[in-house]
């Protein structure tokens, strides 16, 4: 059975400062992946602008949002049976100075018993991520 997941992303205050030092909106993109090889080796612009071509058969889904300093958003999906990872990128103004990419493993899908009439759905996998001034960071489970 597919495992549902929720990725909570919070943008820290003051992230992505513009030329005057004011926090600027930042583009965040969440990828559901069958494997992470191409994701981990691609450059930011290939993932942002040409994700389908760059990730090819690894890509299952992608969601994106422009987020502001202090904002929190939850991305929810039900993972595909072949999905094994979540990849997240953030469009920092100074990509070279920040960890702009992170890969997180997804739980393996549960095997269903064909003889059971009632099958409980797997519990949701919750992941919490902070977009900080220095990069994307996985937070401890709440």
Protein backbone atom coordinates (compact mmCIF):
# COMPACT_ATOMS: atom_id res chain seq x y z
CA UNK A 1 0.00 0.00 0.00
CA UNK A 2 1.26 3.50 -0.74
CA UNK A 3 2.40 5.51 2.27
CA UNK A 4 1.01 9.01 2.70
CA UNK A 5 3.53 11.69 3.60
CA UNK A 6 3.51 15.30 4.73
CA UNK A 7 6.48 17.61 4.27
CA UNK A 8 6.29 20.70 6.47
CA UNK A 9 8.58 23.47 5.30
CA UNK A 10 9.25 26.55 7.39
CA UNK A 11 11.16 29.58 6.13
CA UNK A 12 13.29 31.18 8.86
CA UNK A 13 13.20 34.93 9.37
CA UNK A 14 15.67 36.88 7.26
CA UNK A 15 16.27 34.13 4.69
CA UNK A 16 17.37 35.03 1.16
CA UNK A 17 18.30 38.69 1.70
CA UNK A 18 18.22 41.06 -1.25
CA UNK A 19 20.79 43.77 -1.99
CA UNK A 20 19.47 45.92 0.86
CA UNK A 21 19.56 43.05 3.37
CA UNK A 22 15.78 42.58 3.37
CA UNK A 23 14.38 39.03 3.29
CA UNK A 24 13.14 38.16 -0.19
CA UNK A 25 10.67 35.43 -1.20
CA UNK A 26 12.25 32.07 -1.99
CA UNK A 27 11.09 29.39 -4.40
CA UNK A 28 10.82 25.94 -2.80
CA UNK A 29 10.23 22.80 -4.85
CA UNK A 30 9.41 19.33 -3.47
CA UNK A 31 10.05 16.26 -5.63
CA UNK A 32 8.78 12.71 -5.11
CA UNK A 33 11.41 10.38 -6.57
CA UNK A 34 11.80 6.71 -7.48
CA UNK A 35 15.54 7.12 -6.85
CA UNK A 36 17.72 10.12 -6.12
CA UNK A 37 20.79 9.67 -8.36
CA UNK A 38 19.97 12.27 -11.02
CA UNK A 39 18.53 14.63 -8.40
CA UNK A 40 21.74 14.56 -6.37
CA UNK A 41 24.00 15.29 -9.35
CA UNK A 42 21.92 17.86 -11.28
CA UNK A 43 22.50 21.57 -10.94
CA UNK A 44 19.86 23.86 -9.44
CA UNK A 45 18.68 25.36 -12.73
CA UNK A 46 18.20 21.96 -14.38
CA UNK A 47 16.00 20.88 -11.46
CA UNK A 48 14.09 24.15 -11.39
CA UNK A 49 13.54 24.71 -15.10
CA UNK A 50 13.76 21.24 -16.68
CA UNK A 51 12.84 18.77 -13.96
CA UNK A 52 11.07 16.25 -16.22
CA UNK A 53 13.98 16.10 -18.67
CA UNK A 54 16.63 16.13 -15.94
CA UNK A 55 15.08 13.52 -13.66
CA UNK A 56 13.48 11.44 -16.41
CA UNK A 57 11.93 8.26 -15.02
CA UNK A 58 13.06 9.06 -11.44
CA UNK A 59 10.43 11.81 -11.10
CA UNK A 60 7.00 10.86 -9.78
CA UNK A 61 5.60 14.27 -8.74
CA UNK A 62 6.74 17.81 -8.08
CA UNK A 63 5.13 20.68 -6.20
CA UNK A 64 6.44 24.19 -5.77
CA UNK A 65 5.64 27.36 -3.89
CA UNK A 66 7.09 30.82 -3.48
CA UNK A 67 7.41 31.31 0.26
CA UNK A 68 8.19 34.30 2.45
CA UNK A 69 10.24 34.74 5.58
CA UNK A 70 8.41 33.22 8.57
CA UNK A 71 5.97 31.24 6.42
CA UNK A 72 5.19 27.55 6.96
CA UNK A 73 3.54 25.28 4.41
CA UNK A 74 2.65 21.58 4.32
CA UNK A 75 2.97 19.53 1.14
CA UNK A 76 0.86 16.34 1.35
CA UNK A 77 0.74 13.40 -1.02
CA UNK A 78 0.33 9.67 -1.12
CA UNK A 79 3.65 8.19 -2.24
CA UNK A 80 3.66 6.06 -5.34
CA UNK A 81 4.48 2.37 -4.88
CA UNK A 82 7.86 2.91 -6.58
CA UNK A 83 8.71 6.13 -4.69
CA UNK A 84 11.78 5.95 -2.45
CA UNK A 85 12.80 9.55 -1.71
CA UNK A 86 11.72 13.14 -1.35
CA UNK A 87 14.00 15.80 -2.80
CA UNK A 88 13.70 19.47 -1.87
CA UNK A 89 15.39 22.48 -3.43
CA UNK A 90 15.33 26.15 -2.43
CA UNK A 91 16.13 29.01 -4.79
CA UNK A 92 18.58 31.06 -2.78
CA UNK A 93 19.84 34.30 -4.32
CA UNK A 94 23.37 33.07 -3.55
CA UNK A 95 23.19 29.36 -4.36
CA UNK A 96 26.93 28.86 -3.87
CA UNK A 97 26.69 30.03 -0.24
CA UNK A 98 23.83 27.75 0.86
CA UNK A 99 22.85 24.11 0.98
CA UNK A 100 20.08 24.42 -1.60
CA UNK A 101 19.24 20.70 -1.94
CA UNK A 102 18.29 17.89 0.45
CA UNK A 103 17.20 14.27 -0.08
CA UNK A 104 15.06 12.41 2.45
CA UNK A 105 14.15 8.71 2.31
CA UNK A 106 10.53 7.58 2.11
CA UNK A 107 9.26 4.57 4.03
CA UNK A 108 8.97 1.38 2.02
CA UNK A 109 5.37 0.70 0.93
CA UNK A 110 3.60 -1.97 2.95
CA UNK A 111 2.68 -5.23 1.33
CA UNK A 112 -1.03 -5.97 1.44
CA UNK A 113 -2.50 -9.31 2.28
CA UNK A 114 -4.84 -10.32 -0.53
CA UNK A 115 -6.94 -12.41 1.84
CA UNK A 116 -7.73 -9.58 4.23
CA UNK A 117 -11.05 -7.90 3.60
CA UNK A 118 -10.07 -4.90 5.69
CA UNK A 119 -6.58 -3.48 5.32
CA UNK A 120 -5.49 -0.58 7.50
CA UNK A 121 -3.82 2.30 5.71
CA UNK A 122 -0.22 2.97 6.70
CA UNK A 123 0.36 5.95 8.96
CA UNK A 124 1.50 9.21 7.45
CA UNK A 125 5.24 9.86 7.29
CA UNK A 126 5.82 13.37 8.63
CA UNK A 127 8.97 15.30 7.72
CA UNK A 128 9.84 18.78 9.01
CA UNK A 129 12.33 20.95 7.16
CA UNK A 130 13.64 24.45 7.83
CA UNK A 131 14.93 26.75 5.14
CA UNK A 132 17.63 28.68 6.97
CA UNK A 133 20.07 31.39 5.90
CA UNK A 134 22.79 28.77 5.40
CA UNK A 135 20.64 26.12 3.72
CA UNK A 136 17.92 23.51 3.99
CA UNK A 137 17.95 21.50 7.20
CA UNK A 138 16.01 18.44 8.36
CA UNK A 139 14.41 19.06 11.75
CA UNK A 140 13.88 16.41 14.44
CA UNK A 141 10.48 14.71 14.46
CA UNK A 142 7.92 16.48 16.58
